[in-house]
Every structure is written in C-alpha cells, then in structure tokens.
C-alpha atoms as a PDB file:
ATOM      1  CA  MET A   1      10.756 -25.882   7.107  1.00  0.00           C
ATOM      2  CA  SER A   2      11.251 -22.141   7.539  1.00  0.00           C
ATOM      3  CA  ILE A   3       9.234 -19.669   5.462  1.00  0.00           C
ATOM      4  CA  GLN A   4      12.448 -18.691   3.652  1.00  0.00           C
ATOM      5  CA  ASP A   5      13.103 -22.340   2.725  1.00  0.00           C
ATOM      6  CA  TRP A   6       9.487 -22.726   1.588  1.00  0.00           C
ATOM      7  CA  ILE A   7       9.718 -19.617  -0.622  1.00  0.00           C
ATOM      8  CA  LYS A   8      13.044 -20.767  -2.083  1.00  0.00           C
ATOM      9  CA  ASN A   9      11.529 -24.162  -2.884  1.00  0.00           C
ATOM     10  CA  GLU A  10       8.546 -22.553  -4.663  1.00  0.00           C
ATOM     11  CA  VAL A  11      10.838 -20.250  -6.664  1.00  0.00           C
ATOM     12  CA  ASP A  12      13.214 -23.091  -7.560  1.00  0.00           C
ATOM     13  CA  THR A  13      10.591 -25.701  -8.516  1.00  0.00           C
ATOM     14  CA  ASN A  14       8.227 -23.540 -10.612  1.00  0.00           C
ATOM     15  CA  ASP A  15       9.321 -21.877 -13.858  1.00  0.00           C
ATOM     16  CA  VAL A  16       7.209 -18.767 -13.277  1.00  0.00           C
ATOM     17  CA  VAL A  17       5.938 -17.774  -9.828  1.00  0.00           C
ATOM     18  CA  LEU A  18       3.934 -14.685  -8.917  1.00  0.00           C
ATOM     19  CA  PHE A  19       3.678 -13.807  -5.237  1.00  0.00           C
ATOM     20  CA  MET A  20       0.575 -11.648  -5.198  1.00  0.00           C
ATOM     21  CA  LYS A  21      -2.320 -10.311  -3.180  1.00  0.00           C
ATOM     22  CA  GLY A  22      -5.221 -12.581  -4.052  1.00  0.00           C
ATOM     23  CA  THR A  23      -5.302 -15.277  -6.702  1.00  0.00           C
ATOM     24  CA  PRO A  24      -4.936 -15.164 -10.487  1.00  0.00           C
ATOM     25  CA  ASN A  25      -8.715 -15.562 -10.769  1.00  0.00           C
ATOM     26  CA  PHE A  26      -9.433 -12.953  -8.092  1.00  0.00           C
ATOM     27  CA  PRO A  27      -6.597 -10.456  -7.547  1.00  0.00           C
ATOM     28  CA  GLN A  28      -7.027  -8.416  -4.361  1.00  0.00           C
ATOM     29  CA  CYS A  29      -5.047  -5.351  -5.463  1.00  0.00           C
ATOM     30  CA  GLY A  30      -4.671  -3.418  -8.682  1.00  0.00           C
ATOM     31  CA  PHE A  31      -0.947  -4.030  -9.003  1.00  0.00           C
ATOM     32  CA  SER A  32      -1.336  -7.796  -8.661  1.00  0.00           C
ATOM     33  CA  GLY A  33      -4.210  -7.612 -11.152  1.00  0.00           C
ATOM     34  CA  GLN A  34      -2.048  -5.796 -13.716  1.00  0.00           C
ATOM     35  CA  VAL A  35       0.701  -8.422 -13.541  1.00  0.00           C
ATOM     36  CA  VAL A  36      -1.892 -11.209 -13.853  1.00  0.00           C
ATOM     37  CA  GLN A  37      -3.324  -9.480 -16.956  1.00  0.00           C
ATOM     38  CA  ILE A  38       0.146  -9.219 -18.505  1.00  0.00           C
ATOM     39  CA  LEU A  39       1.035 -12.862 -17.825  1.00  0.00           C
ATOM     40  CA  ASP A  40      -2.354 -14.008 -19.106  1.00  0.00           C
ATOM     41  CA  TYR A  41      -1.997 -11.811 -22.213  1.00  0.00           C
ATOM     42  CA  VAL A  42       1.394 -13.256 -23.163  1.00  0.00           C
ATOM     43  CA  GLY A  43       0.128 -16.721 -22.309  1.00  0.00           C
ATOM     44  CA  ALA A  44       2.833 -17.580 -19.810  1.00  0.00           C
ATOM     45  CA  PRO A  45       2.043 -20.514 -17.525  1.00  0.00           C
ATOM     46  CA  TYR A  46       2.608 -19.423 -13.933  1.00  0.00           C
ATOM     47  CA  LYS A  47       1.831 -20.256 -10.339  1.00  0.00           C
ATOM     48  CA  GLY A  48       0.126 -17.533  -8.330  1.00  0.00           C
ATOM     49  CA  ILE A  49       0.715 -17.589  -4.575  1.00  0.00           C
ATOM     50  CA  ASN A  50      -1.632 -15.546  -2.396  1.00  0.00           C
ATOM     51  CA  VAL A  51       0.399 -13.772   0.302  1.00  0.00           C
ATOM     52  CA  LEU A  52      -2.782 -12.601   2.039  1.00  0.00           C
ATOM     53  CA  GLU A  53      -3.479 -16.140   3.258  1.00  0.00           C
ATOM     54  CA  ASP A  54      -0.388 -16.197   5.482  1.00  0.00           C
ATOM     55  CA  ASP A  55       1.054 -13.245   7.372  1.00  0.00           C
ATOM     56  CA  GLU A  56       4.403 -15.009   7.764  1.00  0.00           C
ATOM     57  CA  LEU A  57       4.566 -15.475   3.980  1.00  0.00           C
ATOM     58  CA  ARG A  58       3.606 -11.843   3.324  1.00  0.00           C
ATOM     59  CA  HIS A  59       6.507 -10.627   5.451  1.00  0.00           C
ATOM     60  CA  GLY A  60       8.829 -13.467   4.434  1.00  0.00           C
ATOM     61  CA  ILE A  61       8.663 -12.740   0.704  1.00  0.00           C
ATOM     62  CA  LYS A  62       9.688  -9.130   1.314  1.00  0.00           C
ATOM     63  CA  GLU A  63      12.692 -10.326   3.317  1.00  0.00           C
ATOM     64  CA  PHE A  64      13.513 -13.033   0.752  1.00  0.00           C
ATOM     65  CA  THR A  65      14.191 -10.451  -1.959  1.00  0.00           C
ATOM     66  CA  ASN A  66      14.756  -7.367   0.159  1.00  0.00           C
ATOM     67  CA  TRP A  67      11.966  -5.864  -1.970  1.00  0.00           C
ATOM     68  CA  PRO A  68       9.275  -3.930  -0.083  1.00  0.00           C
ATOM     69  CA  THR A  69       6.251  -4.426  -2.324  1.00  0.00           C
ATOM     70  CA  ILE A  70       3.997  -7.145  -3.658  1.00  0.00           C
ATOM     71  CA  PRO A  71       3.472  -8.491  -6.324  1.00  0.00           C
ATOM     72  CA  GLN A  72       6.828 -10.110  -6.997  1.00  0.00           C
ATOM     73  CA  LEU A  73       7.552 -12.132 -10.135  1.00  0.00           C
ATOM     74  CA  TYR A  74      10.186 -14.861 -10.435  1.00  0.00           C
ATOM     75  CA  ILE A  75      11.208 -16.558 -13.671  1.00  0.00           C
ATOM     76  CA  LYS A  76      13.371 -19.686 -13.490  1.00  0.00           C
ATOM     77  CA  GLY A  77      14.448 -18.839  -9.948  1.00  0.00           C
ATOM     78  CA  GLU A  78      15.351 -15.222 -10.743  1.00  0.00           C
ATOM     79  CA  PHE A  79      13.561 -12.282  -9.124  1.00  0.00           C
ATOM     80  CA  ILE A  80      12.346 -10.052 -11.959  1.00  0.00           C
ATOM     81  CA  GLY A  81      10.503  -7.288 -10.122  1.00  0.00           C
ATOM     82  CA  GLY A  82       7.169  -5.809  -9.198  1.00  0.00           C
ATOM     83  CA  CYS A  83       4.305  -4.327 -11.153  1.00  0.00           C
ATOM     84  CA  ASP A  84       6.059  -1.248 -12.591  1.00  0.00           C
ATOM     85  CA  ILE A  85       9.075  -3.251 -13.777  1.00  0.00           C
ATOM     86  CA  ILE A  86       6.917  -6.024 -15.277  1.00  0.00           C
ATOM     87  CA  ARG A  87       4.667  -3.492 -17.047  1.00  0.00           C
ATOM     88  CA  GLU A  88       7.678  -1.685 -18.527  1.00  0.00           C
ATOM     89  CA  MET A  89       9.308  -4.952 -19.609  1.00  0.00           C
ATOM     90  CA  PHE A  90       6.030  -6.045 -21.236  1.00  0.00           C
ATOM     91  CA  GLN A  91       5.639  -2.752 -23.109  1.00  0.00           C
ATOM     92  CA  ASN A  92       9.228  -2.997 -24.391  1.00  0.00           C
ATOM     93  CA  GLN A  93       8.765  -6.686 -25.349  1.00  0.00           C
ATOM     94  CA  GLU A  94      11.556  -7.561 -22.876  1.00  0.00           C
ATOM     95  CA  LEU A  95       9.306  -9.805 -20.783  1.00  0.00           C
ATOM     96  CA  GLN A  96       8.239 -11.852 -23.787  1.00  0.00           C
ATOM     97  CA  GLY A  97      11.874 -12.159 -24.892  1.00  0.00           C
ATOM     98  CA  MET A  98      13.019 -13.197 -21.422  1.00  0.00           C
ATOM     99  CA  LEU A  99      10.361 -15.903 -21.192  1.00  0.00           C
ATOM    100  CA  SER A 100      11.364 -17.201 -24.608  1.00  0.00           C
ATOM    101  CA  ASP A 101      15.099 -17.046 -23.811  1.00  0.00           C
ATOM    102  CA  LYS A 102      14.507 -19.074 -20.653  1.00  0.00           C
ATOM    103  CA  GLY A 103      12.614 -21.739 -22.593  1.00  0.00           C
ATOM    104  CA  ILE A 104       9.131 -20.924 -21.304  1.00  0.00           C
ATOM    105  CA  GLU A 105       6.461 -21.542 -23.899  1.00  0.00           C
ATOM    106  CA  THR A 106       3.917 -18.755 -24.259  1.00  0.00           C
ATOM    107  CA  THR A 107       0.939 -18.393 -26.554  1.00  0.00           C
ATOM    108  CA  GLN A 108       2.303 -15.059 -27.800  1.00  0.00           C
ATOM    109  CA  GLN A 109       5.638 -15.083 -29.573  1.00  0.00           C
ATOM    110  CA  PRO A 110       8.117 -12.239 -29.025  1.00  0.00           C
ATOM    111  CA  ALA A 111       8.230  -9.600 -31.756  1.00  0.00           C
END
C-alpha cells in the first residue's frame, strides 16, 4: 500500500483525524498543541497521527492535500486546514457547528 493510499484510508475510516507533530498527549510543536487543545476543549473524539515517526508520512501528507504545513485536520474525509484556520473556526464557533452538522458528538454544544 502506498503512503497516499494509507493516508486516504485513515482519512476515510476515521471521523476526525489530526496529522500532527507528536501525539495528542505530547505534542511536539506549538501549532499541533494548539489544535489538540481546541479539539480537547470542544470534546471532539479524534485520532492523532504523529508524522514525526515516519519521514515518508511527513512528506506524503503534504502532497496528499497540497498543503505545506502540519498540523492538518480532516473531518469526515474533508481537509479542514491547519492551526490558523482551526483556531479561527473555533473562535467563530464554526468548528463546533461543523462537527455537529457532520454528526460528530462533542461534549460542548455549539452556541
């Protein structure tokens, strides 16, 4: 299986996937840490995938979306964005609304 096929499978089979540097319990960069804090705050269940464990994955995820930075968040197979986009969506309540609209249960309800 190619790295692109593996990434597509992860994105397609998990409702919320965060490709990040480090793990949700131990983020290895500030931007990944901010997205983890946001997802934890809204109570969204997600799978964190550490791109630092595999160089092929780290490069492959950037090619998969044609997006140059990590972290990258996917919801129901759709690429949402990186840290700045996720932070802005969270502050505007768009992230919470999107999760709810896509049927993802969170511990925090949208306003």
